[in-house]
C-alpha atoms as a PDB file:
ATOM      1  CA  MET A   1     119.381 208.740  79.215  1.00  0.00           C
ATOM      2  CA  ILE A   2     116.184 210.175  77.801  1.00  0.00           C
ATOM      3  CA  HIS A   3     117.881 209.752  74.242  1.00  0.00           C
ATOM      4  CA  ILE A   4     118.601 205.996  75.151  1.00  0.00           C
ATOM      5  CA  THR A   5     115.045 205.484  76.838  1.00  0.00           C
ATOM      6  CA  LEU A   6     113.762 206.676  73.442  1.00  0.00           C
ATOM      7  CA  GLU A   7     115.563 204.459  71.306  1.00  0.00           C
ATOM      8  CA  TYR A   8     114.725 201.455  73.119  1.00  0.00           C
ATOM      9  CA  ILE A   9     111.148 202.303  72.996  1.00  0.00           C
ATOM     10  CA  GLU A  10     111.529 202.758  68.973  1.00  0.00           C
ATOM     11  CA  MET A  11     113.326 199.465  69.096  1.00  0.00           C
ATOM     12  CA  TYR A  12     110.555 197.967  71.003  1.00  0.00           C
ATOM     13  CA  HIS A  13     107.761 199.377  68.461  1.00  0.00           C
ATOM     14  CA  ASP A  14     109.857 197.526  65.404  1.00  0.00           C
ATOM     15  CA  VAL A  15     110.307 194.029  67.248  1.00  0.00           C
ATOM     16  CA  GLU A  16     107.005 193.944  69.493  1.00  0.00           C
ATOM     17  CA  ASP A  17     105.037 191.733  67.162  1.00  0.00           C
ATOM     18  CA  LEU A  18     108.040 189.202  66.953  1.00  0.00           C
ATOM     19  CA  ILE A  19     108.381 189.758  70.693  1.00  0.00           C
ATOM     20  CA  LYS A  20     104.760 188.693  71.359  1.00  0.00           C
ATOM     21  CA  TYR A  21     104.514 186.019  68.932  1.00  0.00           C
ATOM     22  CA  THR A  22     107.534 183.941  69.871  1.00  0.00           C
ATOM     23  CA  SER A  23     107.359 184.653  73.782  1.00  0.00           C
ATOM     24  CA  GLY A  24     103.234 185.061  74.114  1.00  0.00           C
ATOM     25  CA  SER A  25     102.694 181.335  73.469  1.00  0.00           C
ATOM     26  CA  SER A  26     103.752 178.336  75.839  1.00  0.00           C
ATOM     27  CA  VAL A  27     103.331 176.108  73.039  1.00  0.00           C
ATOM     28  CA  ARG A  28     105.800 177.869  70.592  1.00  0.00           C
ATOM     29  CA  VAL A  29     108.332 178.622  73.428  1.00  0.00           C
ATOM     30  CA  LYS A  30     108.395 174.894  74.418  1.00  0.00           C
ATOM     31  CA  ILE A  31     108.606 173.910  70.564  1.00  0.00           C
ATOM     32  CA  LEU A  32     111.802 176.515  70.072  1.00  0.00           C
ATOM     33  CA  ILE A  33     113.271 175.093  73.288  1.00  0.00           C
ATOM     34  CA  CYS A  34     112.813 171.394  72.157  1.00  0.00           C
ATOM     35  CA  LEU A  35     114.508 172.300  68.984  1.00  0.00           C
ATOM     36  CA  CYS A  36     117.325 173.837  70.415  1.00  0.00           C
ATOM     37  CA  GLU A  37     117.964 170.880  72.481  1.00  0.00           C
ATOM     38  CA  GLY A  38     118.248 168.351  69.470  1.00  0.00           C
ATOM     39  CA  ILE A  39     114.663 167.216  69.774  1.00  0.00           C
ATOM     40  CA  GLN A  40     113.250 167.245  66.125  1.00  0.00           C
ATOM     41  CA  THR A  41     110.707 164.754  65.072  1.00  0.00           C
ATOM     42  CA  MET A  42     106.767 165.117  65.470  1.00  0.00           C
ATOM     43  CA  SER A  43     106.679 161.987  67.832  1.00  0.00           C
ATOM     44  CA  GLU A  44     109.640 163.370  69.964  1.00  0.00           C
ATOM     45  CA  LEU A  45     108.258 166.844  70.288  1.00  0.00           C
ATOM     46  CA  LYS A  46     104.697 165.517  71.253  1.00  0.00           C
ATOM     47  CA  LYS A  47     106.646 163.054  73.880  1.00  0.00           C
ATOM     48  CA  GLU A  48     108.456 165.737  75.304  1.00  0.00           C
ATOM     49  CA  ILE A  49     105.701 168.900  75.168  1.00  0.00           C
ATOM     50  CA  GLY A  50     102.645 166.578  76.042  1.00  0.00           C
ATOM     51  CA  ILE A  51     100.273 167.913  73.592  1.00  0.00           C
ATOM     52  CA  SER A  52      98.420 166.708  70.180  1.00  0.00           C
ATOM     53  CA  SER A  53     100.467 166.412  67.166  1.00  0.00           C
ATOM     54  CA  SER A  54      97.984 168.863  65.537  1.00  0.00           C
ATOM     55  CA  THR A  55      98.657 171.522  67.825  1.00  0.00           C
ATOM     56  CA  ILE A  56     102.250 170.955  67.376  1.00  0.00           C
ATOM     57  CA  SER A  57     102.014 170.895  63.631  1.00  0.00           C
ATOM     58  CA  TYR A  58      99.743 174.277  63.766  1.00  0.00           C
ATOM     59  CA  ASN A  59     102.313 176.102  65.293  1.00  0.00           C
ATOM     60  CA  ILE A  60     105.467 174.915  63.629  1.00  0.00           C
ATOM     61  CA  GLY A  61     103.966 175.908  60.311  1.00  0.00           C
ATOM     62  CA  ASN A  62     103.444 179.209  61.525  1.00  0.00           C
ATOM     63  CA  LEU A  63     107.059 179.266  62.704  1.00  0.00           C
ATOM     64  CA  GLU A  64     107.750 177.996  59.307  1.00  0.00           C
ATOM     65  CA  LYS A  65     106.176 180.993  57.577  1.00  0.00           C
ATOM     66  CA  LYS A  66     108.048 183.277  59.698  1.00  0.00           C
ATOM     67  CA  LYS A  67     111.183 181.683  58.972  1.00  0.00           C
ATOM     68  CA  ILE A  68     112.088 180.810  62.400  1.00  0.00           C
ATOM     69  CA  THR A  69     112.040 177.023  61.735  1.00  0.00           C
ATOM     70  CA  SER A  70     112.298 174.699  58.914  1.00  0.00           C
ATOM     71  CA  LYS A  71     111.821 170.896  58.020  1.00  0.00           C
ATOM     72  CA  ASN A  72     114.578 168.549  56.542  1.00  0.00           C
ATOM     73  CA  GLY A  73     112.594 165.349  55.947  1.00  0.00           C
ATOM     74  CA  GLU A  74     110.883 164.049  58.929  1.00  0.00           C
ATOM     75  CA  LYS A  75     112.789 166.418  61.178  1.00  0.00           C
ATOM     76  CA  TYR A  76     111.935 170.088  62.115  1.00  0.00           C
ATOM     77  CA  ILE A  77     115.094 172.478  62.832  1.00  0.00           C
ATOM     78  CA  LEU A  78     115.756 175.787  63.814  1.00  0.00           C
ATOM     79  CA  THR A  79     116.740 178.357  61.209  1.00  0.00           C
ATOM     80  CA  PRO A  80     119.558 180.622  62.063  1.00  0.00           C
ATOM     81  CA  ILE A  81     117.185 183.253  62.829  1.00  0.00           C
ATOM     82  CA  GLY A  82     115.150 180.824  64.962  1.00  0.00           C
ATOM     83  CA  LYS A  83     118.611 180.016  66.810  1.00  0.00           C
ATOM     84  CA  LEU A  84     119.060 183.515  67.676  1.00  0.00           C
ATOM     85  CA  ILE A  85     115.560 183.851  68.908  1.00  0.00           C
ATOM     86  CA  THR A  86     115.669 180.837  70.903  1.00  0.00           C
ATOM     87  CA  TYR A  87     118.935 181.384  72.608  1.00  0.00           C
ATOM     88  CA  ASN A  88     117.803 184.964  73.761  1.00  0.00           C
ATOM     89  CA  ILE A  89     114.254 183.367  75.091  1.00  0.00           C
ATOM     90  CA  MET A  90     116.082 180.625  76.808  1.00  0.00           C
ATOM     91  CA  GLU A  91     118.481 183.340  78.700  1.00  0.00           C
ATOM     92  CA  ASN A  92     115.377 185.627  79.669  1.00  0.00           C
ATOM     93  CA  ILE A  93     113.534 182.573  80.819  1.00  0.00           C
ATOM     94  CA  LYS A  94     116.777 182.090  83.027  1.00  0.00           C
ATOM     95  CA  LYS A  95     117.106 185.476  84.367  1.00  0.00           C
ATOM     96  CA  THR A  96     113.682 185.642  85.151  1.00  0.00           C
ATOM     97  CA  ALA A  97     113.597 182.254  87.039  1.00  0.00           C
ATOM     98  CA  VAL A  98     116.700 183.825  89.174  1.00  0.00           C
ATOM     99  CA  ILE A  99     114.787 186.663  89.950  1.00  0.00           C
ATOM    100  CA  THR A 100     111.907 184.619  90.974  1.00  0.00           C
ATOM    101  CA  LYS A 101     113.831 181.827  92.749  1.00  0.00           C
ATOM    102  CA  PHE A 102     115.712 184.516  95.111  1.00  0.00           C
ATOM    103  CA  GLN A 103     113.224 187.028  95.608  1.00  0.00           C
ATOM    104  CA  LYS A 104     113.710 187.331  99.045  1.00  0.00           C
ATOM    105  CA  PHE A 105     117.662 188.170  98.401  1.00  0.00           C
ATOM    106  CA  TRP A 106     116.890 191.022  95.781  1.00  0.00           C
ATOM    107  CA  LEU A 107     114.036 192.374  97.268  1.00  0.00           C
ATOM    108  CA  HIS A 108     114.678 195.784  99.664  1.00  0.00           C
ATOM    109  CA  HIS A 109     118.311 195.292  98.881  1.00  0.00           C
ATOM    110  CA  ASP A 110     120.878 197.661  97.128  1.00  0.00           C
ATOM    111  CA  LEU A 111     122.073 196.258  93.538  1.00  0.00           C
ATOM    112  CA  SER A 112     124.317 199.324  93.015  1.00  0.00           C
ATOM    113  CA  GLY A 113     127.372 197.058  93.642  1.00  0.00           C
ATOM    114  CA  ILE A 114     126.682 194.734  90.699  1.00  0.00           C
ATOM    115  CA  PRO A 115     127.867 196.426  87.456  1.00  0.00           C
ATOM    116  CA  LEU A 116     125.226 196.426  84.449  1.00  0.00           C
ATOM    117  CA  GLU A 117     127.249 193.706  82.443  1.00  0.00           C
ATOM    118  CA  LEU A 118     126.839 191.338  85.263  1.00  0.00           C
ATOM    119  CA  ILE A 119     122.999 192.337  85.924  1.00  0.00           C
ATOM    120  CA  LYS A 120     122.636 191.356  82.485  1.00  0.00           C
ATOM    121  CA  ARG A 121     124.340 188.057  83.541  1.00  0.00           C
ATOM    122  CA  ILE A 122     122.300 187.072  86.168  1.00  0.00           C
ATOM    123  CA  GLY A 123     120.761 184.011  85.113  1.00  0.00           C
ATOM    124  CA  ASP A 124     124.318 182.353  85.710  1.00  0.00           C
ATOM    125  CA  LEU A 125     123.413 182.403  89.538  1.00  0.00           C
ATOM    126  CA  TYR A 126     120.626 180.113  88.630  1.00  0.00           C
ATOM    127  CA  HIS A 127     122.134 177.201  90.232  1.00  0.00           C
ATOM    128  CA  SER A 128     122.928 178.669  93.761  1.00  0.00           C
ATOM    129  CA  SER A 129     121.330 178.267  97.365  1.00  0.00           C
ATOM    130  CA  LEU A 130     119.759 180.940  99.694  1.00  0.00           C
ATOM    131  CA  ILE A 131     121.448 180.354 103.015  1.00  0.00           C
ATOM    132  CA  GLU A 132     119.164 182.443 105.610  1.00  0.00           C
ATOM    133  CA  SER A 133     119.410 182.791 109.405  1.00  0.00           C
ATOM    134  CA  GLU A 134     116.549 180.846 111.090  1.00  0.00           C
ATOM    135  CA  SER A 135     115.524 180.505 114.469  1.00  0.00           C
ATOM    136  CA  GLY A 136     118.062 178.324 116.326  1.00  0.00           C
ATOM    137  CA  GLU A 137     120.333 179.092 113.567  1.00  0.00           C
ATOM    138  CA  ILE A 138     121.218 182.445 113.438  1.00  0.00           C
ATOM    139  CA  TYR A 139     124.507 181.871 112.639  1.00  0.00           C
ATOM    140  CA  LYS A 140     123.763 179.685 109.868  1.00  0.00           C
ATOM    141  CA  PRO A 141     125.236 182.093 106.846  1.00  0.00           C
ATOM    142  CA  HIS A 142     128.456 182.774 108.899  1.00  0.00           C
ATOM    143  CA  GLU A 143     128.699 178.560 109.359  1.00  0.00           C
ATOM    144  CA  LYS A 144     128.119 178.186 105.673  1.00  0.00           C
ATOM    145  CA  TYR A 145     130.680 180.700 104.652  1.00  0.00           C
ATOM    146  CA  GLN A 146     133.537 179.303 106.978  1.00  0.00           C
ATOM    147  CA  GLU A 147     132.881 175.803 105.679  1.00  0.00           C
ATOM    148  CA  ILE A 148     133.611 177.149 102.162  1.00  0.00           C
ATOM    149  CA  ILE A 149     136.314 179.211 103.187  1.00  0.00           C
ATOM    150  CA  LEU A 150     138.257 176.280 104.999  1.00  0.00           C
ATOM    151  CA  LYS A 151     138.142 173.680 102.039  1.00  0.00           C
ATOM    152  CA  SER A 152     139.448 176.568  99.205  1.00  0.00           C
ATOM    153  CA  LYS A 153     142.509 176.251  97.338  1.00  0.00           C
ATOM    154  CA  TYR A 154     142.452 179.989  96.706  1.00  0.00           C
ATOM    155  CA  ILE A 155     140.566 183.033  98.002  1.00  0.00           C
ATOM    156  CA  LYS A 156     139.285 186.105  96.670  1.00  0.00           C
ATOM    157  CA  GLY A 157     137.274 188.517  98.232  1.00  0.00           C
ATOM    158  CA  VAL A 158     135.591 192.070  98.500  1.00  0.00           C
ATOM    159  CA  SER A 159     134.221 193.722 101.425  1.00  0.00           C
ATOM    160  CA  SER A 160     133.466 196.931 103.079  1.00  0.00           C
ATOM    161  CA  ILE A 161     132.099 195.485 106.311  1.00  0.00           C
ATOM    162  CA  PHE A 162     134.259 194.329 109.313  1.00  0.00           C
ATOM    163  CA  ARG A 163     133.939 191.150 111.364  1.00  0.00           C
ATOM    164  CA  PHE A 164     136.134 190.644 113.998  1.00  0.00           C
ATOM    165  CA  ASN A 165     135.834 186.630 113.708  1.00  0.00           C
ATOM    166  CA  TYR A 166     137.059 186.717 110.013  1.00  0.00           C
ATOM    167  CA  ILE A 167     140.480 187.675 111.436  1.00  0.00           C
ATOM    168  CA  GLU A 168     140.947 184.703 113.084  1.00  0.00           C
ATOM    169  CA  LEU A 169     139.788 182.905 110.279  1.00  0.00           C
ATOM    170  CA  PHE A 170     141.704 184.339 107.495  1.00  0.00           C
ATOM    171  CA  GLN A 171     145.191 184.328 110.214  1.00  0.00           C
ATOM    172  CA  TYR A 172     144.473 180.627 110.188  1.00  0.00           C
ATOM    173  CA  ILE A 173     144.430 180.086 106.410  1.00  0.00           C
ATOM    174  CA  ILE A 174     147.223 182.497 105.724  1.00  0.00           C
ATOM    175  CA  LEU A 175     149.450 181.567 108.398  1.00  0.00           C
ATOM    176  CA  GLU A 176     148.754 177.621 108.851  1.00  0.00           C
ATOM    177  CA  ASN A 177     147.499 176.430 105.268  1.00  0.00           C
ATOM    178  CA  ASP A 178     149.144 178.899 103.228  1.00  0.00           C
ATOM    179  CA  ILE A 179     146.376 179.276 101.037  1.00  0.00           C
ATOM    180  CA  TYR A 180     146.347 182.265  98.336  1.00  0.00           C
ATOM    181  CA  VAL A 181     144.279 184.863  99.344  1.00  0.00           C
ATOM    182  CA  GLU A 182     143.637 188.263  97.628  1.00  0.00           C
ATOM    183  CA  LEU A 183     141.125 190.968  99.291  1.00  0.00           C
ATOM    184  CA  ILE A 184     139.805 194.095  98.092  1.00  0.00           C
ATOM    185  CA  LEU A 185     138.991 196.149 101.025  1.00  0.00           C
ATOM    186  CA  THR A 186     138.365 199.668 102.014  1.00  0.00           C
ATOM    187  CA  ASN A 187     140.892 201.602 103.961  1.00  0.00           C
ATOM    188  CA  ASP A 188     138.622 201.919 107.042  1.00  0.00           C
ATOM    189  CA  ILE A 189     138.700 197.870 107.024  1.00  0.00           C
ATOM    190  CA  ILE A 190     142.158 197.452 106.426  1.00  0.00           C
ATOM    191  CA  GLN A 191     143.094 199.565 109.382  1.00  0.00           C
ATOM    192  CA  LYS A 192     140.630 197.567 111.575  1.00  0.00           C
ATOM    193  CA  ILE A 193     142.457 194.143 110.408  1.00  0.00           C
ATOM    194  CA  ILE A 194     145.904 195.650 111.409  1.00  0.00           C
ATOM    195  CA  GLU A 195     144.507 196.878 114.722  1.00  0.00           C
ATOM    196  CA  GLY A 196     143.031 193.650 115.275  1.00  0.00           C
ATOM    197  CA  ILE A 197     146.138 191.066 114.493  1.00  0.00           C
ATOM    198  CA  GLY A 198     148.651 192.392 116.594  1.00  0.00           C
ATOM    199  CA  GLN A 199     152.602 192.864 115.900  1.00  0.00           C
ATOM    200  CA  ASP A 200     153.775 189.321 115.374  1.00  0.00           C
ATOM    201  CA  ASN A 201     150.837 188.129 112.952  1.00  0.00           C
ATOM    202  CA  LEU A 202     151.596 191.685 111.202  1.00  0.00           C
ATOM    203  CA  LYS A 203     154.962 190.301 110.360  1.00  0.00           C
ATOM    204  CA  HIS A 204     153.772 187.167 108.992  1.00  0.00           C
ATOM    205  CA  LEU A 205     151.213 189.076 106.753  1.00  0.00           C
ATOM    206  CA  GLU A 206     154.258 191.206 105.565  1.00  0.00           C
ATOM    207  CA  THR A 207     156.252 187.934 104.706  1.00  0.00           C
ATOM    208  CA  SER A 208     153.078 186.282 102.830  1.00  0.00           C
ATOM    209  CA  MET A 209     152.427 189.415 100.979  1.00  0.00           C
ATOM    210  CA  ALA A 210     156.101 189.321 100.095  1.00  0.00           C
ATOM    211  CA  LYS A 211     156.081 185.719  98.851  1.00  0.00           C
ATOM    212  CA  GLY A 212     153.022 186.639  96.750  1.00  0.00           C
ATOM    213  CA  ASN A 213     150.764 184.278  98.608  1.00  0.00           C
ATOM    214  CA  VAL A 214     148.696 187.157 100.095  1.00  0.00           C
ATOM    215  CA  LYS A 215     147.812 190.290  97.923  1.00  0.00           C
ATOM    216  CA  ILE A 216     145.541 193.203  99.491  1.00  0.00           C
ATOM    217  CA  TRP A 217     144.133 196.094  97.121  1.00  0.00           C
ATOM    218  CA  VAL A 218     142.743 199.333  98.809  1.00  0.00           C
ATOM    219  CA  ILE A 219     139.377 200.607  97.177  1.00  0.00           C
ATOM    220  CA  ASN A 220     138.665 204.539  97.493  1.00  0.00           C
ATOM    221  CA  LYS A 221     134.754 204.143  97.200  1.00  0.00           C
ATOM    222  CA  ASP A 222     131.768 203.323  98.909  1.00  0.00           C
ATOM    223  CA  VAL A 223     131.383 199.408  98.395  1.00  0.00           C
ATOM    224  CA  ARG A 224     127.692 198.332  98.542  1.00  0.00           C
ATOM    225  CA  ILE A 225     128.369 194.777  98.142  1.00  0.00           C
ATOM    226  CA  ALA A 226     130.265 191.715 100.014  1.00  0.00           C
ATOM    227  CA  PHE A 227     131.571 188.743  98.241  1.00  0.00           C
ATOM    228  CA  THR A 228     134.149 185.730  98.182  1.00  0.00           C
ATOM    229  CA  VAL A 229     134.841 183.663  95.310  1.00  0.00           C
ATOM    230  CA  THR A 230     137.084 180.577  95.663  1.00  0.00           C
ATOM    231  CA  ASP A 231     138.319 177.679  93.291  1.00  0.00           C
ATOM    232  CA  LYS A 232     135.088 176.217  93.529  1.00  0.00           C
ATOM    233  CA  TYR A 233     132.597 178.398  95.209  1.00  0.00           C
ATOM    234  CA  LEU A 234     130.740 182.126  94.992  1.00  0.00           C
ATOM    235  CA  SER A 235     129.273 183.670  98.180  1.00  0.00           C
ATOM    236  CA  LEU A 236     127.543 186.702  97.463  1.00  0.00           C
ATOM    237  CA  GLY A 237     126.102 189.182 100.152  1.00  0.00           C
ATOM    238  CA  LEU A 238     124.110 192.523  99.847  1.00  0.00           C
ATOM    239  CA  PHE A 239     123.168 195.502 101.720  1.00  0.00           C
ATOM    240  CA  HIS A 240     119.915 196.947 102.974  1.00  0.00           C
ATOM    241  CA  GLU A 241     118.402 199.679 100.614  1.00  0.00           C
ATOM    242  CA  GLN A 242     118.463 201.656 103.864  1.00  0.00           C
ATOM    243  CA  GLY A 243     122.168 201.333 103.986  1.00  0.00           C
ATOM    244  CA  ASP A 244     123.321 198.329 106.449  1.00  0.00           C
ATOM    245  CA  TYR A 245     124.644 194.957 105.482  1.00  0.00           C
ATOM    246  CA  ASP A 246     122.313 192.143 105.635  1.00  0.00           C
ATOM    247  CA  ASN A 247     124.224 189.750 107.567  1.00  0.00           C
ATOM    248  CA  THR A 248     121.183 187.068 107.248  1.00  0.00           C
ATOM    249  CA  LYS A 249     121.224 186.210 103.968  1.00  0.00           C
ATOM    250  CA  ASP A 250     124.066 184.884 101.376  1.00  0.00           C
ATOM    251  CA  LEU A 251     123.695 183.269  97.923  1.00  0.00           C
ATOM    252  CA  ILE A 252     126.149 180.303  97.532  1.00  0.00           C
ATOM    253  CA  SER A 253     126.994 178.630  94.557  1.00  0.00           C
ATOM    254  CA  ASP A 254     129.338 175.897  93.769  1.00  0.00           C
ATOM    255  CA  ASP A 255     128.057 176.112  90.023  1.00  0.00           C
ATOM    256  CA  HIS A 256     130.994 176.884  87.144  1.00  0.00           C
ATOM    257  CA  ASP A 257     128.685 179.795  85.811  1.00  0.00           C
ATOM    258  CA  ALA A 258     128.357 181.368  89.070  1.00  0.00           C
ATOM    259  CA  VAL A 259     131.812 181.255  90.282  1.00  0.00           C
ATOM    260  CA  ALA A 260     132.848 182.574  86.612  1.00  0.00           C
ATOM    261  CA  TRP A 261     130.163 185.568  87.420  1.00  0.00           C
ATOM    262  CA  GLY A 262     132.098 186.019  90.727  1.00  0.00           C
ATOM    263  CA  ASN A 263     135.512 186.288  89.251  1.00  0.00           C
ATOM    264  CA  THR A 264     134.328 188.781  86.697  1.00  0.00           C
ATOM    265  CA  LEU A 265     132.763 190.794  89.424  1.00  0.00           C
ATOM    266  CA  PHE A 266     136.144 190.510  91.098  1.00  0.00           C
ATOM    267  CA  GLU A 267     138.173 191.873  88.419  1.00  0.00           C
ATOM    268  CA  TYR A 268     135.655 194.820  87.785  1.00  0.00           C
ATOM    269  CA  TYR A 269     136.487 195.764  91.542  1.00  0.00           C
ATOM    270  CA  ARG A 270     140.240 195.213  91.330  1.00  0.00           C
ATOM    271  CA  ASN A 271     140.353 197.540  88.304  1.00  0.00           C
ATOM    272  CA  GLN A 272     139.495 200.303  90.494  1.00  0.00           C
ATOM    273  CA  SER A 273     141.841 199.377  93.283  1.00  0.00           C
ATOM    274  CA  GLN A 274     145.423 200.148  94.281  1.00  0.00           C
ATOM    275  CA  LYS A 275     147.703 197.810  95.915  1.00  0.00           C
ATOM    276  CA  PHE A 276     148.344 197.920  99.783  1.00  0.00           C
ATOM    277  CA  GLN A 277     151.629 197.984 101.489  1.00  0.00           C
ATOM    278  CA  VAL A 278     152.038 197.149 104.811  1.00  0.00           C
END
């Protein structure tokens, strides 16, 4: 860990000037984003950014000196290095926006259930909504979750928490609608579910598992996250730092990037699980 820390500090010293130059000026950041999005002439840049031609010209001239932009006739373009720099700036903006936009969701919550690979891709969750319990609507996150589940074609979920009312919900989905369901659960949760569904429904569950409509996996670790990903939605919940699950907040998204993020998270946990047999 110390070696990695020193390595990053040394790398930062090497690139400190470039980071400060490209990201330290709102004018330069806006120019780079505009060029990346295909806005190329001085008049287009002036209209989009809303600043004078002289200010744009001064900044873009310095960007050219640093080989970040170049000029082709009347058009300004990003160099290959400029594209790499700009893509990273835009991605960092998106990540920071997710942190700021959903500050209440991240603050005082345990993030250990999200692997580093997906922490780095946290910007994929930008087009999400934070559903919170409110005065008079304390069950709002649960109601939204059920709404999502009932209109899904497939459901994949990971959980180490037990909600008795969800047994009935999943029974309905599996037995009545024949929807594909894949769950990763702890041993404790599986035992509670088996006890809660009764012998008749247990036989239906065995039949559904034999048909391949239902797959249940057991994970032998302390899972500090609960989430569901469907064909259209991601529903993400976190634990408090103190250890209890936060029932009052869910991050919900129907954005393609967020759903892909959720599927990658599911694969991460499935790779650590064993198939369960009734």
